[in-house]
Amino acid sequence: MIDPVLLRENPDLIKASQEARGDSVELVDEALAADAERRAAIALFEQLRSEQNVFSKKVGRAAPDEKKALLAEVQELAARVKAASAAASEAEARFTTAIRAIGNPIIDGVPAGGEANFVTLRTHGDTPTFDFEPRDHLELGEMLGAIDMGRGAKVSGARFYFLKGIGARLEIALMNMALDRALAAGFTPLITPTLVRPEIMDGTGFLGEHSDEIYYLPADDLYLTGTSEVALAGYHSDEIIDVQAEPLRYAGWSTCYRREAGSGGKDTRGIIRVHQFNKLEMFAYVLPEHAEAEHDRLVALQEDMLQSLGLSYRVIDVAAGDLGSSAARKFDIEAWVPTQGAYRELTSTSNCTTFQARRLDIRYRTESGKTTPVATLNGTLATTRWIVAMLETHQQADGSVVVPVALRPYLGGLEKIEPIAK
């Protein structure tokens, strides 16, 4: 949720953000009108309640025979206070609905437009070349006995899979390598719930226009999370936390679930776009003035991981219309996938400023003693999809795959993955 004070004092900034996102600018005026109505309704209620208190004292001091005469006025004033209270509550609800429909104001410099309007900030590494026809990750995965899509579909349907043998070991090794990096960087590891209450899912901003991508269990009124960001954001909901001396940093390891609604026909081969995968997600609670520096820190950790795995990638500044409602800025890192001749997203890192914290009531206490919302940030440090780029980048002509040096200690020193004998 955006800051109501910012809405009142600088509505043009909010409108410019909405326009850059491709969202309704009219929502800002609607929220302003709802805010004015809300404040007027609250003022009237408080005025009438004050009058009621004064009148109650007058009645208390009145003689017994006078009290009967004042009874009708007491009842009338009580009815007016009750009606004003209801009107204030209704106005508050209308304002909340209006302001929650507005996306997080983007940070200055975020490119306007949609998915295709990103800006490339930097690239790393040369795109790999081969003196043979490279195989895609699924063909390699099958040759190595690492990926079984057929049995995944048999058991669970399309976009499900089994990682087996070296495939399972590769994912666990990748996640453990990322976990070690996170621990060294001061993150506290958490294995998070993957089912969350509606108020937590909504608080993170995931029940907006993309809610059809989320699995929902109506019998339990719980949502399956598509990222541990949701549980990590909810971890300190309704709390006052201490981030003055140091940010609170967590690394959440979880299985993630996505319906991939609307993606029919896209990436149907292999494990690029699937319904279930594992991920290690970084999450930070920081002072708002430190959020942009923390954003750069998270991206640096991701780049260090990718460079250690020998992957070529680019870092992009995601355009406003592709941010989602919660992020004020998002940097994606996309690795080169040789058989697709394209960069594909491996990490996404978002600065959500105070947007999620306002919705989830997560605050810190300032030096003056006042409480105010913290800033929250999140970013991927490893996920199943990374296997795609790793297999294709490090493949050899015979179908074997060279294990990146940094990953070898997590695979018992294994230097090369060999095709299995048939």
Protein backbone atom coordinates (compact mmCIF):
# COMPACT_ATOMS: atom_id res chain seq x y z
CA MET A 1 0.00 0.00 0.00
CA ILE A 2 1.30 3.46 -0.79
CA ASP A 3 1.86 6.18 1.78
CA PRO A 4 -1.39 8.19 2.25
CA VAL A 5 0.66 11.30 3.07
CA LEU A 6 2.52 10.97 -0.23
CA LEU A 7 -0.81 10.57 -2.02
CA ARG A 8 -2.12 13.81 -0.51
CA GLU A 9 1.06 15.84 -0.83
CA ASN A 10 2.36 14.66 -4.20
CA PRO A 11 -0.44 13.08 -6.25
CA ASP A 12 1.30 14.03 -9.50
CA LEU A 13 4.20 11.73 -8.61
CA ILE A 14 1.76 8.85 -8.08
CA LYS A 15 0.01 9.65 -11.35
CA ALA A 16 3.31 9.66 -13.24
CA SER A 17 4.12 6.25 -11.76
CA GLN A 18 0.72 4.89 -12.75
CA GLU A 19 1.18 6.19 -16.28
CA ALA A 20 4.66 4.63 -16.56
CA ARG A 21 3.20 1.33 -15.38
CA GLY A 22 0.38 1.53 -17.91
CA ASP A 23 -2.13 1.53 -15.05
CA SER A 24 -5.12 3.76 -14.44
CA VAL A 25 -4.21 7.35 -13.55
CA GLU A 26 -7.84 7.94 -12.55
CA LEU A 27 -7.32 5.65 -9.56
CA VAL A 28 -5.25 8.41 -7.96
CA ASP A 29 -8.10 10.92 -8.10
CA GLU A 30 -10.50 8.27 -6.81
CA ALA A 31 -8.19 7.57 -3.88
CA LEU A 32 -7.81 11.31 -3.15
CA ALA A 33 -11.59 11.73 -3.11
CA ALA A 34 -11.99 8.69 -0.87
CA ASP A 35 -9.31 10.05 1.46
CA ALA A 36 -11.08 13.42 1.75
CA GLU A 37 -14.38 11.65 2.44
CA ARG A 38 -12.71 9.43 5.03
CA ARG A 39 -11.09 12.33 6.87
CA ALA A 40 -14.31 14.31 6.89
CA ALA A 41 -16.25 11.32 8.22
CA ILE A 42 -13.68 10.71 10.96
CA ALA A 43 -13.71 14.41 11.93
CA LEU A 44 -17.52 14.39 12.22
CA PHE A 45 -17.48 11.23 14.33
CA GLU A 46 -14.84 12.64 16.67
CA GLN A 47 -16.74 15.92 16.99
CA LEU A 48 -20.00 14.13 17.86
CA ARG A 49 -18.24 11.81 20.29
CA SER A 50 -16.69 14.83 22.01
CA GLU A 51 -20.14 16.42 22.27
CA GLN A 52 -21.48 13.15 23.65
CA ASN A 53 -18.80 13.09 26.34
CA VAL A 54 -19.54 16.68 27.33
CA PHE A 55 -23.27 15.98 27.38
CA SER A 56 -22.77 12.83 29.46
CA LYS A 57 -21.01 14.89 32.12
CA LYS A 58 -23.87 17.40 32.02
CA VAL A 59 -26.38 14.60 32.56
CA GLY A 60 -24.27 13.22 35.40
CA ARG A 61 -24.39 16.58 37.19
CA ALA A 62 -28.12 17.12 36.56
CA ALA A 63 -30.73 16.77 39.29
CA PRO A 64 -32.86 13.57 39.17
CA ASP A 65 -35.92 15.37 37.82
CA GLU A 66 -33.81 17.05 35.08
CA LYS A 67 -32.28 13.76 33.91
CA LYS A 68 -35.60 12.51 32.58
CA ALA A 69 -35.93 15.59 30.42
CA LEU A 70 -32.41 15.09 29.02
CA LEU A 71 -32.96 11.41 28.16
CA ALA A 72 -34.35 12.09 24.69
CA GLU A 73 -31.34 14.26 23.83
CA VAL A 74 -28.99 11.54 25.12
CA GLN A 75 -30.63 8.94 22.89
CA GLU A 76 -30.62 11.21 19.84
CA LEU A 77 -26.95 12.09 20.29
CA ALA A 78 -26.05 8.44 20.83
CA ALA A 79 -27.81 7.53 17.59
CA ARG A 80 -25.94 10.25 15.71
CA VAL A 81 -22.60 9.07 17.13
CA LYS A 82 -23.41 5.49 16.14
CA ALA A 83 -24.35 6.55 12.61
CA ALA A 84 -21.21 8.68 12.31
CA SER A 85 -19.07 5.79 13.49
CA ALA A 86 -20.59 3.49 10.87
CA ALA A 87 -20.13 6.14 8.17
CA ALA A 88 -16.47 6.61 9.17
CA SER A 89 -15.87 2.86 9.04
CA GLU A 90 -17.47 2.64 5.60
CA ALA A 91 -15.43 5.60 4.35
CA GLU A 92 -12.26 4.01 5.73
CA ALA A 93 -13.07 0.78 3.88
CA ARG A 94 -13.68 2.64 0.61
CA PHE A 95 -10.39 4.50 0.99
CA THR A 96 -8.49 1.29 1.75
CA THR A 97 -9.94 -0.36 -1.35
CA ALA A 98 -9.05 2.66 -3.47
CA ILE A 99 -5.48 3.12 -2.26
CA ARG A 100 -4.68 -0.61 -2.37
CA ALA A 101 -5.51 -0.60 -6.08
CA ILE A 102 -2.55 1.71 -6.75
CA GLY A 103 0.85 0.17 -7.49
CA ASN A 104 3.99 1.02 -5.56
CA PRO A 105 5.39 4.34 -6.87
CA ILE A 106 8.35 3.52 -9.09
CA ILE A 107 11.84 4.75 -8.26
CA ASP A 108 13.21 7.54 -10.42
CA GLY A 109 14.97 6.09 -13.46
CA VAL A 110 12.84 2.98 -13.90
CA PRO A 111 12.03 2.71 -17.62
CA ALA A 112 8.41 3.23 -18.63
CA GLY A 113 6.51 0.68 -20.68
CA GLY A 114 5.93 -3.06 -20.72
CA GLU A 115 7.89 -6.29 -20.85
CA ALA A 116 9.88 -5.33 -23.97
CA ASN A 117 10.94 -1.93 -22.65
CA PHE A 118 13.61 -3.05 -20.18
CA VAL A 119 17.04 -1.43 -20.16
CA THR A 120 20.20 -3.57 -20.18
CA LEU A 121 22.50 -2.32 -17.42
CA ARG A 122 25.46 -4.64 -18.09
CA THR A 123 26.45 -8.01 -19.51
CA HIS A 124 29.00 -10.52 -18.28
CA GLY A 125 30.91 -13.18 -20.19
CA ASP A 126 30.97 -14.15 -23.83
CA THR A 127 28.09 -16.23 -25.11
CA PRO A 128 29.34 -19.82 -25.42
CA THR A 129 30.14 -21.23 -28.84
CA PHE A 130 30.53 -24.87 -29.88
CA ASP A 131 32.26 -26.75 -32.69
CA PHE A 132 29.36 -29.21 -32.64
CA GLU A 133 25.57 -28.97 -32.69
CA PRO A 134 24.65 -28.23 -29.06
CA ARG A 135 21.91 -30.24 -27.38
CA ASP A 136 19.17 -28.59 -25.37
CA HIS A 137 18.91 -29.14 -21.62
CA LEU A 138 16.19 -31.78 -21.89
CA GLU A 139 18.12 -33.94 -24.34
CA LEU A 140 21.20 -33.60 -22.16
CA GLY A 141 19.17 -34.29 -19.02
CA GLU A 142 17.81 -37.49 -20.52
CA MET A 143 21.25 -38.63 -21.70
CA LEU A 144 22.65 -38.00 -18.21
CA GLY A 145 19.75 -39.73 -16.46
CA ALA A 146 18.99 -36.40 -14.75
CA ILE A 147 15.51 -35.35 -15.98
CA ASP A 148 12.42 -37.49 -16.58
CA MET A 149 9.57 -35.44 -18.04
CA GLY A 150 7.54 -38.42 -19.24
CA ARG A 151 7.03 -39.93 -15.81
CA GLY A 152 6.45 -36.47 -14.36
CA ALA A 153 3.55 -36.02 -16.77
CA LYS A 154 2.29 -39.54 -16.05
CA VAL A 155 2.20 -38.89 -12.31
CA SER A 156 1.10 -35.25 -12.18
CA GLY A 157 0.37 -33.92 -15.68
CA ALA A 158 1.96 -31.41 -18.02
CA ARG A 159 4.79 -29.19 -16.74
CA PHE A 160 5.76 -31.64 -13.99
CA TYR A 161 8.97 -33.67 -13.96
CA PHE A 162 11.31 -35.85 -11.95
CA LEU A 163 14.89 -34.88 -11.24
CA LYS A 164 16.69 -38.17 -10.75
CA GLY A 165 20.20 -39.35 -10.06
CA ILE A 166 22.69 -36.63 -10.89
CA GLY A 167 19.81 -34.24 -11.63
CA ALA A 168 18.59 -34.44 -8.04
CA ARG A 169 22.16 -34.18 -6.75
CA LEU A 170 22.82 -31.18 -9.00
CA GLU A 171 19.86 -29.24 -7.64
CA ILE A 172 20.73 -30.03 -4.02
CA ALA A 173 24.36 -29.06 -4.68
CA LEU A 174 23.28 -25.77 -6.25
CA MET A 175 20.97 -24.94 -3.35
CA ASN A 176 23.64 -25.82 -0.76
CA MET A 177 26.21 -23.69 -2.56
CA ALA A 178 23.76 -20.77 -2.51
CA LEU A 179 22.97 -21.39 1.15
CA ASP A 180 26.66 -21.25 2.05
CA ARG A 181 26.97 -17.95 0.18
CA ALA A 182 23.92 -16.59 2.00
CA LEU A 183 25.27 -17.65 5.40
CA ALA A 184 28.61 -15.98 4.67
CA ALA A 185 26.69 -12.79 3.76
CA GLY A 186 24.83 -12.74 7.09
CA PHE A 187 21.49 -14.29 6.13
CA THR A 188 19.58 -16.47 8.57
CA PRO A 189 18.31 -19.62 6.83
CA LEU A 190 14.64 -20.53 7.07
CA ILE A 191 12.72 -23.47 5.65
CA THR A 192 9.39 -21.77 5.12
CA PRO A 193 5.75 -22.91 4.97
CA THR A 194 4.46 -23.24 1.43
CA LEU A 195 0.82 -22.76 2.44
CA VAL A 196 -0.16 -19.30 3.66
CA ARG A 197 -3.27 -17.47 4.80
CA PRO A 198 -5.08 -15.11 2.38
CA GLU A 199 -4.09 -12.01 4.35
CA ILE A 200 -0.40 -12.88 3.98
CA MET A 201 -0.68 -13.59 0.26
CA ASP A 202 -2.67 -10.38 -0.23
CA GLY A 203 -0.28 -8.41 1.97
CA THR A 204 2.64 -9.15 -0.32
CA GLY A 205 0.63 -7.94 -3.32
CA PHE A 206 0.25 -11.28 -5.11
CA LEU A 207 -3.56 -11.35 -5.25
CA GLY A 208 -3.86 -8.66 -7.89
CA GLU A 209 -3.96 -9.08 -11.65
CA HIS A 210 -1.87 -12.28 -11.55
CA SER A 211 -3.89 -14.09 -8.89
CA ASP A 212 -4.93 -16.69 -11.49
CA GLU A 213 -1.34 -17.99 -11.43
CA ILE A 214 -1.63 -19.02 -7.77
CA TYR A 215 -2.88 -22.38 -6.51
CA TYR A 216 -5.70 -22.01 -3.96
CA LEU A 217 -7.14 -24.63 -1.61
CA PRO A 218 -10.71 -23.47 -0.93
CA ALA A 219 -11.47 -26.17 1.65
CA ASP A 220 -8.66 -24.80 3.83
CA ASP A 221 -8.69 -21.17 2.66
CA LEU A 222 -4.94 -21.36 2.05
CA TYR A 223 -2.70 -20.47 -0.89
CA LEU A 224 0.32 -22.37 -2.19
CA THR A 225 3.24 -19.97 -2.51
CA GLY A 226 5.05 -19.37 -5.79
CA THR A 227 8.05 -18.03 -3.87
CA SER A 228 9.15 -18.09 -0.24
CA GLU A 229 9.06 -14.29 -0.44
CA VAL A 230 5.44 -14.54 0.65
CA ALA A 231 6.15 -16.48 3.86
CA LEU A 232 9.29 -14.42 4.53
CA ALA A 233 7.29 -11.19 4.24
CA GLY A 234 4.64 -12.59 6.55
CA TYR A 235 7.23 -13.74 9.10
CA HIS A 236 7.27 -10.35 10.84
CA SER A 237 3.72 -9.23 10.01
CA ASP A 238 2.04 -7.17 12.75
CA GLU A 239 5.39 -6.67 14.48
CA ILE A 240 7.73 -3.86 15.45
CA ILE A 241 11.24 -5.02 14.53
CA ASP A 242 14.73 -3.65 15.12
CA VAL A 243 16.55 -2.70 11.91
CA GLN A 244 18.34 0.38 13.20
CA ALA A 245 21.72 -1.26 13.78
CA GLU A 246 21.55 -3.89 11.04
CA PRO A 247 18.99 -5.14 8.49
CA LEU A 248 17.19 -8.42 9.16
CA ARG A 249 18.21 -10.79 6.37
CA TYR A 250 16.72 -14.23 5.73
CA ALA A 251 17.33 -16.95 3.17
CA GLY A 252 14.18 -18.98 2.60
CA TRP A 253 14.48 -22.49 1.13
CA SER A 254 11.19 -23.84 -0.19
CA THR A 255 9.35 -25.65 -2.91
CA CYS A 256 7.38 -23.21 -5.05
CA TYR A 257 4.17 -23.70 -7.03
CA ARG A 258 2.84 -21.76 -10.01
CA ARG A 259 -0.17 -22.49 -12.16
CA GLU A 260 1.43 -20.81 -15.19
CA ALA A 261 -2.01 -19.64 -16.26
CA GLY A 262 -1.95 -18.07 -19.70
CA SER A 263 1.39 -19.65 -20.62
CA GLY A 264 -0.06 -22.39 -22.80
CA GLY A 265 2.32 -23.14 -25.65
CA LYS A 266 5.25 -21.27 -24.03
CA ASP A 267 8.29 -23.25 -22.93
CA THR A 268 6.50 -26.57 -22.99
CA ARG A 269 9.75 -28.49 -23.45
CA GLY A 270 11.90 -29.20 -20.43
CA ILE A 271 12.04 -27.50 -17.04
CA ILE A 272 12.13 -23.81 -17.92
CA ARG A 273 8.48 -23.11 -17.09
CA VAL A 274 7.04 -25.68 -14.69
CA HIS A 275 4.41 -25.91 -11.96
CA GLN A 276 6.76 -26.93 -9.15
CA PHE A 277 10.39 -26.10 -8.41
CA ASN A 278 12.80 -25.36 -5.57
CA LYS A 279 14.28 -22.00 -4.75
CA LEU A 280 16.49 -20.23 -2.24
CA GLU A 281 15.14 -16.71 -1.80
CA MET A 282 16.91 -13.82 -0.08
CA PHE A 283 14.70 -11.43 1.88
CA ALA A 284 15.74 -8.28 3.72
CA TYR A 285 14.01 -5.87 6.11
CA VAL A 286 15.89 -2.55 6.08
CA LEU A 287 15.58 1.12 6.89
CA PRO A 288 13.82 2.81 3.94
CA GLU A 289 16.80 5.08 3.26
CA HIS A 290 19.04 2.01 2.87
CA ALA A 291 16.76 0.09 0.50
CA GLU A 292 18.46 1.02 -2.77
CA ALA A 293 21.91 0.12 -1.42
CA GLU A 294 20.53 -3.21 -0.19
CA HIS A 295 19.06 -3.82 -3.64
CA ASP A 296 22.51 -3.48 -5.19
CA ARG A 297 23.93 -5.79 -2.51
CA LEU A 298 21.46 -8.55 -3.34
CA VAL A 299 22.22 -8.28 -7.06
CA ALA A 300 25.96 -8.45 -6.33
CA LEU A 301 25.44 -11.73 -4.45
CA GLN A 302 23.50 -13.14 -7.39
CA GLU A 303 26.14 -12.08 -9.90
CA ASP A 304 28.85 -13.67 -7.78
CA MET A 305 26.92 -16.97 -7.84
CA LEU A 306 26.40 -16.87 -11.59
CA GLN A 307 30.01 -15.97 -12.29
CA SER A 308 31.16 -18.84 -10.05
CA LEU A 309 29.05 -21.19 -12.17
CA GLY A 310 30.63 -19.90 -15.38
CA LEU A 311 27.39 -18.53 -16.85
CA SER A 312 27.08 -15.64 -19.30
CA TYR A 313 24.34 -13.20 -18.34
CA ARG A 314 22.93 -9.72 -18.54
CA VAL A 315 21.39 -7.54 -15.80
CA ILE A 316 18.29 -5.64 -16.82
CA ASP A 317 16.29 -2.82 -15.28
CA VAL A 318 12.73 -4.09 -15.65
CA ALA A 319 10.21 -1.66 -17.13
CA ALA A 320 7.48 -0.23 -14.93
CA GLY A 321 4.65 -2.14 -16.57
CA ASP A 322 6.36 -5.46 -15.83
CA LEU A 323 7.15 -4.85 -12.16
CA GLY A 324 4.04 -6.18 -10.48
CA SER A 325 2.21 -4.01 -7.97
CA SER A 326 4.66 -4.39 -5.06
CA ALA A 327 8.02 -3.56 -6.62
CA ALA A 328 9.25 0.01 -7.02
CA ARG A 329 12.22 -1.30 -8.99
CA LYS A 330 13.26 -4.75 -10.14
CA PHE A 331 16.52 -6.02 -11.56
CA ASP A 332 16.43 -9.34 -13.43
CA ILE A 333 19.49 -11.37 -14.31
CA GLU A 334 19.09 -13.41 -17.47
CA ALA A 335 21.56 -16.16 -18.42
CA TRP A 336 22.37 -17.12 -21.99
CA VAL A 337 20.71 -20.37 -23.07
CA PRO A 338 22.69 -21.56 -26.13
CA THR A 339 20.03 -23.64 -27.91
CA GLN A 340 17.51 -20.83 -27.64
CA GLY A 341 19.99 -18.15 -28.70
CA ALA A 342 18.50 -15.93 -26.04
CA TYR A 343 18.87 -14.70 -22.48
CA ARG A 344 16.39 -16.27 -20.05
CA GLU A 345 15.56 -15.04 -16.56
CA LEU A 346 17.33 -16.82 -13.71
CA THR A 347 16.95 -14.28 -10.92
CA SER A 348 14.58 -11.48 -10.07
CA THR A 349 15.39 -8.95 -7.35
CA SER A 350 12.84 -6.41 -6.16
CA ASN A 351 12.91 -3.32 -4.00
CA CYS A 352 9.41 -3.10 -2.57
CA THR A 353 10.21 0.00 -0.46
CA THR A 354 7.53 0.25 2.29
CA PHE A 355 4.67 -1.09 0.14
CA GLN A 356 4.48 -4.62 1.59
CA ALA A 357 5.30 -3.47 5.12
CA ARG A 358 2.35 -1.06 5.13
CA ARG A 359 -0.01 -3.83 4.06
CA LEU A 360 1.42 -6.30 6.60
CA ASP A 361 1.94 -3.73 9.39
CA ILE A 362 5.69 -4.26 9.81
CA ARG A 363 7.33 -1.30 11.51
CA TYR A 364 10.49 -0.17 13.26
CA ARG A 365 10.86 2.35 16.05
CA THR A 366 12.64 5.59 15.19
CA GLU A 367 14.94 7.44 17.59
CA SER A 368 12.00 9.66 18.54
CA GLY A 369 10.01 6.61 19.59
CA LYS A 370 7.58 6.80 16.69
CA THR A 371 6.93 3.66 14.66
CA THR A 372 7.07 3.72 10.86
CA PRO A 373 7.08 1.08 8.09
CA VAL A 374 10.31 -0.72 7.14
CA ALA A 375 11.39 -1.42 3.57
CA THR A 376 11.43 -4.98 2.21
CA LEU A 377 13.49 -6.50 -0.60
CA ASN A 378 13.69 -9.95 -2.12
CA GLY A 379 15.86 -11.79 -4.63
CA THR A 380 16.56 -15.30 -5.93
CA LEU A 381 19.92 -16.87 -5.08
CA ALA A 382 19.34 -20.28 -6.69
CA THR A 383 16.48 -22.13 -8.33
CA THR A 384 15.78 -25.22 -10.41
CA ARG A 385 15.83 -23.27 -13.68
CA TRP A 386 19.54 -22.60 -13.27
CA ILE A 387 20.15 -26.23 -14.25
CA VAL A 388 18.98 -25.36 -17.77
CA ALA A 389 21.74 -22.80 -18.35
CA MET A 390 24.38 -24.87 -16.56
CA LEU A 391 23.79 -28.02 -18.62
CA GLU A 392 23.68 -26.22 -21.95
CA THR A 393 26.63 -23.90 -21.25
CA HIS A 394 29.03 -26.58 -20.04
CA GLN A 395 28.09 -29.42 -22.40
CA GLN A 396 30.65 -31.37 -24.42
CA ALA A 397 30.35 -33.01 -27.85
CA ASP A 398 29.80 -36.48 -26.35
CA GLY A 399 26.87 -35.30 -24.21
CA SER A 400 28.88 -35.02 -21.01
CA VAL A 401 28.76 -31.84 -18.93
CA VAL A 402 31.71 -30.23 -17.13
CA VAL A 403 30.87 -29.36 -13.52
CA PRO A 404 31.83 -25.76 -12.62
CA VAL A 405 34.80 -25.76 -10.24
CA ALA A 406 32.89 -23.88 -7.51
CA LEU A 407 30.14 -26.53 -7.51
CA ARG A 408 32.41 -29.59 -7.35
CA PRO A 409 32.81 -29.67 -3.55
CA TYR A 410 29.02 -30.04 -3.29
CA LEU A 411 29.10 -33.07 -5.60
CA GLY A 412 31.86 -34.97 -3.85
CA GLY A 413 34.54 -33.54 -6.14
CA LEU A 414 32.80 -34.67 -9.36
CA GLU A 415 34.42 -32.93 -12.34
CA LYS A 416 32.29 -34.18 -15.22
CA ILE A 417 28.82 -35.67 -15.56
CA GLU A 418 28.88 -38.54 -18.03
CA PRO A 419 25.98 -39.90 -20.11
CA ILE A 420 24.55 -43.06 -18.63
CA ALA A 421 25.02 -46.33 -20.50
CA LYS A 422 21.87 -47.62 -22.20
